[in-house]
């Protein structure tokens, strides 16, 4: 049942992305203005709150980290090294995503590009939802 609910939600997101309105013109040439002049602090705070409230991160750490802990040694220093390593790697990956997204944002000032982006995104979500429905249990 959960799989079908997830598939329906993905298909819904696909339809929403496909049908998303595209404004004719954006007056600014800077990518920062494409996010409605939202401050960096606000974007960071919102992203942090979403990330910290995601239980998958805690479940991942609880399932992944113990494999690398030597029970014969003090656990706190081992967990600290694992946590710092994981944080640096995650921060690096998210930074790459952010800078890549920022460079793509400059192209999204054109209505035709935004419309194509919405259509591709919608089609991908719909495809993922359809694949989830048709996937054998």
C-alpha atoms as a PDB file:
ATOM      1  CA  UNK A   1       0.000   0.000   0.000  1.00  0.00           C
ATOM      2  CA  UNK A   2       2.867   2.360   0.849  1.00  0.00           C
ATOM      3  CA  UNK A   3       4.436   1.711  -2.545  1.00  0.00           C
ATOM      4  CA  UNK A   4       1.214   2.676  -4.331  1.00  0.00           C
ATOM      5  CA  UNK A   5       0.830   5.813  -2.211  1.00  0.00           C
ATOM      6  CA  UNK A   6       4.418   6.780  -3.027  1.00  0.00           C
ATOM      7  CA  UNK A   7       3.842   6.102  -6.720  1.00  0.00           C
ATOM      8  CA  UNK A   8       0.665   8.195  -6.708  1.00  0.00           C
ATOM      9  CA  UNK A   9       2.529  11.036  -5.006  1.00  0.00           C
ATOM     10  CA  UNK A  10       5.366  10.895  -7.568  1.00  0.00           C
ATOM     11  CA  UNK A  11       2.861  10.956 -10.416  1.00  0.00           C
ATOM     12  CA  UNK A  12       1.068  13.890  -8.755  1.00  0.00           C
ATOM     13  CA  UNK A  13       4.385  15.767  -8.478  1.00  0.00           C
ATOM     14  CA  UNK A  14       5.058  14.976 -12.130  1.00  0.00           C
ATOM     15  CA  UNK A  15       1.724  16.417 -13.226  1.00  0.00           C
ATOM     16  CA  UNK A  16       2.288  19.503 -11.061  1.00  0.00           C
ATOM     17  CA  UNK A  17       5.761  20.049 -12.532  1.00  0.00           C
ATOM     18  CA  UNK A  18       4.506  19.489 -16.084  1.00  0.00           C
ATOM     19  CA  UNK A  19       1.697  22.014 -15.627  1.00  0.00           C
ATOM     20  CA  UNK A  20       3.713  24.574 -13.623  1.00  0.00           C
ATOM     21  CA  UNK A  21       3.209  28.094 -14.944  1.00  0.00           C
ATOM     22  CA  UNK A  22       6.080  29.784 -16.736  1.00  0.00           C
ATOM     23  CA  UNK A  23       6.268  33.550 -16.564  1.00  0.00           C
ATOM     24  CA  UNK A  24       7.036  35.323 -19.789  1.00  0.00           C
ATOM     25  CA  UNK A  25      10.037  37.367 -18.641  1.00  0.00           C
ATOM     26  CA  UNK A  26      12.281  37.809 -15.633  1.00  0.00           C
ATOM     27  CA  UNK A  27      13.639  41.335 -15.319  1.00  0.00           C
ATOM     28  CA  UNK A  28      16.924  40.388 -13.700  1.00  0.00           C
ATOM     29  CA  UNK A  29      19.934  38.656 -15.156  1.00  0.00           C
ATOM     30  CA  UNK A  30      21.311  37.318 -11.874  1.00  0.00           C
ATOM     31  CA  UNK A  31      20.592  33.781 -10.661  1.00  0.00           C
ATOM     32  CA  UNK A  32      20.068  35.053  -7.104  1.00  0.00           C
ATOM     33  CA  UNK A  33      17.022  37.024  -8.264  1.00  0.00           C
ATOM     34  CA  UNK A  34      15.484  33.834  -9.623  1.00  0.00           C
ATOM     35  CA  UNK A  35      14.826  32.713  -6.058  1.00  0.00           C
ATOM     36  CA  UNK A  36      12.886  35.912  -5.263  1.00  0.00           C
ATOM     37  CA  UNK A  37      15.777  37.641  -3.481  1.00  0.00           C
ATOM     38  CA  UNK A  38      15.685  35.167  -0.599  1.00  0.00           C
ATOM     39  CA  UNK A  39      18.642  35.706   1.708  1.00  0.00           C
ATOM     40  CA  UNK A  40      21.378  33.114   1.963  1.00  0.00           C
ATOM     41  CA  UNK A  41      20.729  32.864   5.703  1.00  0.00           C
ATOM     42  CA  UNK A  42      17.044  32.038   5.116  1.00  0.00           C
ATOM     43  CA  UNK A  43      17.865  29.449   2.476  1.00  0.00           C
ATOM     44  CA  UNK A  44      20.468  27.841   4.753  1.00  0.00           C
ATOM     45  CA  UNK A  45      18.127  27.861   7.768  1.00  0.00           C
ATOM     46  CA  UNK A  46      15.270  26.285   5.805  1.00  0.00           C
ATOM     47  CA  UNK A  47      17.531  23.644   4.296  1.00  0.00           C
ATOM     48  CA  UNK A  48      19.056  22.859   7.690  1.00  0.00           C
ATOM     49  CA  UNK A  49      15.652  22.505   9.352  1.00  0.00           C
ATOM     50  CA  UNK A  50      14.420  20.210   6.598  1.00  0.00           C
ATOM     51  CA  UNK A  51      17.587  18.122   6.754  1.00  0.00           C
ATOM     52  CA  UNK A  52      17.711  17.831  10.544  1.00  0.00           C
ATOM     53  CA  UNK A  53      14.028  16.844  10.704  1.00  0.00           C
ATOM     54  CA  UNK A  54      14.563  14.019   8.202  1.00  0.00           C
ATOM     55  CA  UNK A  55      14.593  10.721  10.136  1.00  0.00           C
ATOM     56  CA  UNK A  56      16.361   8.940   7.256  1.00  0.00           C
ATOM     57  CA  UNK A  57      19.668  10.561   8.246  1.00  0.00           C
ATOM     58  CA  UNK A  58      19.408   9.189  11.778  1.00  0.00           C
ATOM     59  CA  UNK A  59      18.370   5.763  10.516  1.00  0.00           C
ATOM     60  CA  UNK A  60      21.257   5.781   8.063  1.00  0.00           C
ATOM     61  CA  UNK A  61      23.760   6.663  10.795  1.00  0.00           C
ATOM     62  CA  UNK A  62      22.309   4.037  13.139  1.00  0.00           C
ATOM     63  CA  UNK A  63      22.587   1.347  10.443  1.00  0.00           C
ATOM     64  CA  UNK A  64      25.846   2.395   8.783  1.00  0.00           C
ATOM     65  CA  UNK A  65      28.201   3.644  11.497  1.00  0.00           C
ATOM     66  CA  UNK A  66      28.224   0.563  13.800  1.00  0.00           C
ATOM     67  CA  UNK A  67      29.931  -1.511  11.090  1.00  0.00           C
ATOM     68  CA  UNK A  68      33.008   0.668  11.453  1.00  0.00           C
ATOM     69  CA  UNK A  69      33.151   0.783  15.248  1.00  0.00           C
ATOM     70  CA  UNK A  70      35.639  -1.439  17.058  1.00  0.00           C
ATOM     71  CA  UNK A  71      33.918  -2.450  20.321  1.00  0.00           C
ATOM     72  CA  UNK A  72      37.301  -3.008  22.022  1.00  0.00           C
ATOM     73  CA  UNK A  73      38.240   0.675  21.651  1.00  0.00           C
ATOM     74  CA  UNK A  74      36.555   3.785  23.077  1.00  0.00           C
ATOM     75  CA  UNK A  75      33.487   4.473  20.966  1.00  0.00           C
ATOM     76  CA  UNK A  76      33.184   8.270  21.310  1.00  0.00           C
ATOM     77  CA  UNK A  77      36.390   9.089  19.384  1.00  0.00           C
ATOM     78  CA  UNK A  78      35.473   6.597  16.667  1.00  0.00           C
ATOM     79  CA  UNK A  79      31.995   8.059  16.280  1.00  0.00           C
ATOM     80  CA  UNK A  80      33.472  11.560  16.222  1.00  0.00           C
ATOM     81  CA  UNK A  81      35.812  10.661  13.348  1.00  0.00           C
ATOM     82  CA  UNK A  82      32.978   8.971  11.447  1.00  0.00           C
ATOM     83  CA  UNK A  83      30.638  11.903  12.000  1.00  0.00           C
ATOM     84  CA  UNK A  84      33.208  14.502  10.905  1.00  0.00           C
ATOM     85  CA  UNK A  85      34.150  12.453   7.832  1.00  0.00           C
ATOM     86  CA  UNK A  86      30.502  11.978   6.893  1.00  0.00           C
ATOM     87  CA  UNK A  87      29.749  15.679   7.428  1.00  0.00           C
ATOM     88  CA  UNK A  88      32.678  16.818   5.260  1.00  0.00           C
ATOM     89  CA  UNK A  89      31.679  14.445   2.461  1.00  0.00           C
ATOM     90  CA  UNK A  90      28.019  15.452   2.614  1.00  0.00           C
ATOM     91  CA  UNK A  91      28.895  19.150   2.688  1.00  0.00           C
ATOM     92  CA  UNK A  92      31.160  18.678  -0.330  1.00  0.00           C
ATOM     93  CA  UNK A  93      28.464  16.890  -2.315  1.00  0.00           C
ATOM     94  CA  UNK A  94      25.791  19.449  -1.447  1.00  0.00           C
ATOM     95  CA  UNK A  95      28.170  22.278  -2.343  1.00  0.00           C
ATOM     96  CA  UNK A  96      28.700  20.744  -5.767  1.00  0.00           C
ATOM     97  CA  UNK A  97      24.918  20.483  -6.207  1.00  0.00           C
ATOM     98  CA  UNK A  98      24.440  24.093  -5.090  1.00  0.00           C
ATOM     99  CA  UNK A  99      27.099  25.543  -7.385  1.00  0.00           C
ATOM    100  CA  UNK A 100      25.837  23.418 -10.261  1.00  0.00           C
ATOM    101  CA  UNK A 101      22.294  24.583  -9.621  1.00  0.00           C
ATOM    102  CA  UNK A 102      23.437  28.166  -9.439  1.00  0.00           C
ATOM    103  CA  UNK A 103      25.091  27.894 -12.840  1.00  0.00           C
ATOM    104  CA  UNK A 104      21.954  26.313 -14.314  1.00  0.00           C
ATOM    105  CA  UNK A 105      19.762  29.013 -12.754  1.00  0.00           C
ATOM    106  CA  UNK A 106      21.178  31.581 -15.172  1.00  0.00           C
ATOM    107  CA  UNK A 107      19.711  29.610 -18.062  1.00  0.00           C
ATOM    108  CA  UNK A 108      16.315  29.392 -16.359  1.00  0.00           C
ATOM    109  CA  UNK A 109      15.669  33.085 -16.933  1.00  0.00           C
ATOM    110  CA  UNK A 110      14.355  32.135 -20.370  1.00  0.00           C
ATOM    111  CA  UNK A 111      10.726  30.998 -20.446  1.00  0.00           C
ATOM    112  CA  UNK A 112      11.379  28.331 -23.088  1.00  0.00           C
ATOM    113  CA  UNK A 113      14.133  26.765 -20.978  1.00  0.00           C
ATOM    114  CA  UNK A 114      11.949  26.841 -17.838  1.00  0.00           C
ATOM    115  CA  UNK A 115       9.102  25.217 -19.728  1.00  0.00           C
ATOM    116  CA  UNK A 116      11.382  22.457 -21.055  1.00  0.00           C
ATOM    117  CA  UNK A 117      12.857  21.995 -17.549  1.00  0.00           C
ATOM    118  CA  UNK A 118       9.354  21.670 -16.072  1.00  0.00           C
ATOM    119  CA  UNK A 119       8.363  19.144 -18.745  1.00  0.00           C
ATOM    120  CA  UNK A 120      11.492  17.012 -18.283  1.00  0.00           C
ATOM    121  CA  UNK A 121      11.124  17.123 -14.501  1.00  0.00           C
ATOM    122  CA  UNK A 122       7.429  16.234 -14.708  1.00  0.00           C
ATOM    123  CA  UNK A 123       8.107  13.376 -17.102  1.00  0.00           C
ATOM    124  CA  UNK A 124      10.830  11.984 -14.834  1.00  0.00           C
ATOM    125  CA  UNK A 125       8.603  12.078 -11.750  1.00  0.00           C
ATOM    126  CA  UNK A 126       5.778  10.442 -13.705  1.00  0.00           C
ATOM    127  CA  UNK A 127       8.126   7.767 -15.025  1.00  0.00           C
ATOM    128  CA  UNK A 128       9.468   7.029 -11.558  1.00  0.00           C
ATOM    129  CA  UNK A 129       5.909   6.767 -10.230  1.00  0.00           C
ATOM    130  CA  UNK A 130       4.901   4.434 -13.061  1.00  0.00           C
ATOM    131  CA  UNK A 131       7.981   2.281 -12.525  1.00  0.00           C
ATOM    132  CA  UNK A 132       7.196   2.085  -8.822  1.00  0.00           C
ATOM    133  CA  UNK A 133       3.676   0.841  -9.594  1.00  0.00           C
ATOM    134  CA  UNK A 134       4.841  -1.735 -12.134  1.00  0.00           C
ATOM    135  CA  UNK A 135       7.793  -2.998 -10.090  1.00  0.00           C
ATOM    136  CA  UNK A 136       7.274  -6.539  -8.908  1.00  0.00           C
ATOM    137  CA  UNK A 137       6.891  -6.943  -5.167  1.00  0.00           C
END
